[in-house]
C-alpha atoms as a PDB file:
ATOM      1  CA  UNK A   1      10.602   7.110  11.793  1.00  0.00           C
ATOM      2  CA  UNK A   2       8.362   7.972  14.750  1.00  0.00           C
ATOM      3  CA  UNK A   3       5.871   5.565  16.327  1.00  0.00           C
ATOM      4  CA  UNK A   4       3.017   7.523  14.721  1.00  0.00           C
ATOM      5  CA  UNK A   5       4.676   7.225  11.297  1.00  0.00           C
ATOM      6  CA  UNK A   6       5.153   3.481  11.781  1.00  0.00           C
ATOM      7  CA  UNK A   7       1.521   2.985  12.798  1.00  0.00           C
ATOM      8  CA  UNK A   8       0.289   5.061   9.859  1.00  0.00           C
ATOM      9  CA  UNK A   9       2.526   3.150   7.407  1.00  0.00           C
ATOM     10  CA  UNK A  10       1.154  -0.162   8.734  1.00  0.00           C
ATOM     11  CA  UNK A  11      -2.403   1.087   8.180  1.00  0.00           C
ATOM     12  CA  UNK A  12      -1.488   2.096   4.625  1.00  0.00           C
ATOM     13  CA  UNK A  13       0.083  -1.328   3.984  1.00  0.00           C
ATOM     14  CA  UNK A  14      -3.042  -3.094   5.273  1.00  0.00           C
ATOM     15  CA  UNK A  15      -5.222  -0.851   3.110  1.00  0.00           C
ATOM     16  CA  UNK A  16      -3.131  -1.710   0.041  1.00  0.00           C
ATOM     17  CA  UNK A  17      -3.504  -5.448   0.664  1.00  0.00           C
ATOM     18  CA  UNK A  18      -7.252  -5.154   1.308  1.00  0.00           C
ATOM     19  CA  UNK A  19      -7.753  -3.050  -1.822  1.00  0.00           C
ATOM     20  CA  UNK A  20      -5.769  -5.455  -3.994  1.00  0.00           C
ATOM     21  CA  UNK A  21      -7.767  -8.405  -2.642  1.00  0.00           C
ATOM     22  CA  UNK A  22     -11.047  -6.663  -3.413  1.00  0.00           C
ATOM     23  CA  UNK A  23      -9.953  -5.434  -6.867  1.00  0.00           C
ATOM     24  CA  UNK A  24      -8.182  -8.399  -8.514  1.00  0.00           C
ATOM     25  CA  UNK A  25      -4.703  -7.147  -7.738  1.00  0.00           C
ATOM     26  CA  UNK A  26      -5.150  -3.563  -8.934  1.00  0.00           C
ATOM     27  CA  UNK A  27      -3.360  -0.984  -6.809  1.00  0.00           C
ATOM     28  CA  UNK A  28      -5.224   1.745  -4.934  1.00  0.00           C
ATOM     29  CA  UNK A  29      -4.754   5.396  -5.797  1.00  0.00           C
ATOM     30  CA  UNK A  30      -3.357   7.888  -3.335  1.00  0.00           C
ATOM     31  CA  UNK A  31      -6.895   9.193  -2.868  1.00  0.00           C
ATOM     32  CA  UNK A  32      -8.179   5.669  -2.137  1.00  0.00           C
ATOM     33  CA  UNK A  33      -5.513   5.305   0.550  1.00  0.00           C
ATOM     34  CA  UNK A  34      -6.283   8.744   1.991  1.00  0.00           C
ATOM     35  CA  UNK A  35      -9.945   7.818   2.361  1.00  0.00           C
ATOM     36  CA  UNK A  36      -9.459   4.307   3.733  1.00  0.00           C
ATOM     37  CA  UNK A  37      -6.789   5.366   6.246  1.00  0.00           C
ATOM     38  CA  UNK A  38      -8.422   8.674   7.220  1.00  0.00           C
ATOM     39  CA  UNK A  39      -5.376  10.689   6.133  1.00  0.00           C
ATOM     40  CA  UNK A  40      -6.018  14.258   5.004  1.00  0.00           C
ATOM     41  CA  UNK A  41      -2.844  14.816   2.968  1.00  0.00           C
ATOM     42  CA  UNK A  42      -1.578  13.075  -0.153  1.00  0.00           C
ATOM     43  CA  UNK A  43       1.995  13.923   0.856  1.00  0.00           C
ATOM     44  CA  UNK A  44       1.556  11.869   4.048  1.00  0.00           C
ATOM     45  CA  UNK A  45       0.366   8.882   1.997  1.00  0.00           C
ATOM     46  CA  UNK A  46       3.311   9.302  -0.375  1.00  0.00           C
ATOM     47  CA  UNK A  47       5.730   9.409   2.565  1.00  0.00           C
ATOM     48  CA  UNK A  48       4.187   6.211   3.945  1.00  0.00           C
ATOM     49  CA  UNK A  49       4.573   4.540   0.544  1.00  0.00           C
ATOM     50  CA  UNK A  50       8.232   5.570   0.379  1.00  0.00           C
ATOM     51  CA  UNK A  51       8.784   4.254   3.933  1.00  0.00           C
ATOM     52  CA  UNK A  52       7.146   0.930   3.032  1.00  0.00           C
ATOM     53  CA  UNK A  53       9.297   0.695  -0.073  1.00  0.00           C
ATOM     54  CA  UNK A  54      12.449   1.513   1.899  1.00  0.00           C
ATOM     55  CA  UNK A  55      11.541  -1.221   4.400  1.00  0.00           C
ATOM     56  CA  UNK A  56      11.169  -3.736   1.565  1.00  0.00           C
ATOM     57  CA  UNK A  57       7.442  -4.381   1.977  1.00  0.00           C
ATOM     58  CA  UNK A  58       6.337  -2.934  -1.336  1.00  0.00           C
ATOM     59  CA  UNK A  59       7.781  -1.806  -4.642  1.00  0.00           C
ATOM     60  CA  UNK A  60       6.481   1.311  -6.347  1.00  0.00           C
ATOM     61  CA  UNK A  61       6.527   0.613 -10.057  1.00  0.00           C
ATOM     62  CA  UNK A  62       5.273   3.586 -12.015  1.00  0.00           C
ATOM     63  CA  UNK A  63       1.950   5.329 -11.737  1.00  0.00           C
ATOM     64  CA  UNK A  64      -0.611   3.338  -9.728  1.00  0.00           C
ATOM     65  CA  UNK A  65       1.463   0.206  -9.589  1.00  0.00           C
ATOM     66  CA  UNK A  66       2.336  -1.154  -6.171  1.00  0.00           C
ATOM     67  CA  UNK A  67       3.893  -4.592  -5.864  1.00  0.00           C
ATOM     68  CA  UNK A  68       3.742  -6.375  -2.530  1.00  0.00           C
ATOM     69  CA  UNK A  69       6.900  -8.294  -1.663  1.00  0.00           C
ATOM     70  CA  UNK A  70       6.742 -11.803  -0.255  1.00  0.00           C
ATOM     71  CA  UNK A  71       4.383 -13.437  -2.687  1.00  0.00           C
ATOM     72  CA  UNK A  72       3.101 -13.626  -6.217  1.00  0.00           C
ATOM     73  CA  UNK A  73      -0.163 -11.861  -6.992  1.00  0.00           C
ATOM     74  CA  UNK A  74      -2.510 -13.762  -9.274  1.00  0.00           C
ATOM     75  CA  UNK A  75      -5.785 -12.355 -10.505  1.00  0.00           C
ATOM     76  CA  UNK A  76      -8.775 -13.836  -8.746  1.00  0.00           C
ATOM     77  CA  UNK A  77      -6.632 -15.651  -6.176  1.00  0.00           C
ATOM     78  CA  UNK A  78      -4.957 -12.871  -4.232  1.00  0.00           C
ATOM     79  CA  UNK A  79      -1.473 -13.032  -2.805  1.00  0.00           C
ATOM     80  CA  UNK A  80       0.104 -16.478  -2.960  1.00  0.00           C
ATOM     81  CA  UNK A  81       3.225 -17.626  -1.066  1.00  0.00           C
END
């Protein structure tokens, strides 16, 4: 993965966390991530998601379901250790 890919994937990860915090744990759509990270292609977002999953930071679980590793998500409380 190039430095640009790594930086973009980190932005996507941060956007996922921020979105989940603001929306009671619901996962953002690809379009939400495109807009918040200023990415013009859904395939780039999908590649970032796959990279984050490969690196063990998230788990893609079906359509619009992204689990963040390292904590338990509880509605109204965010990500807990």
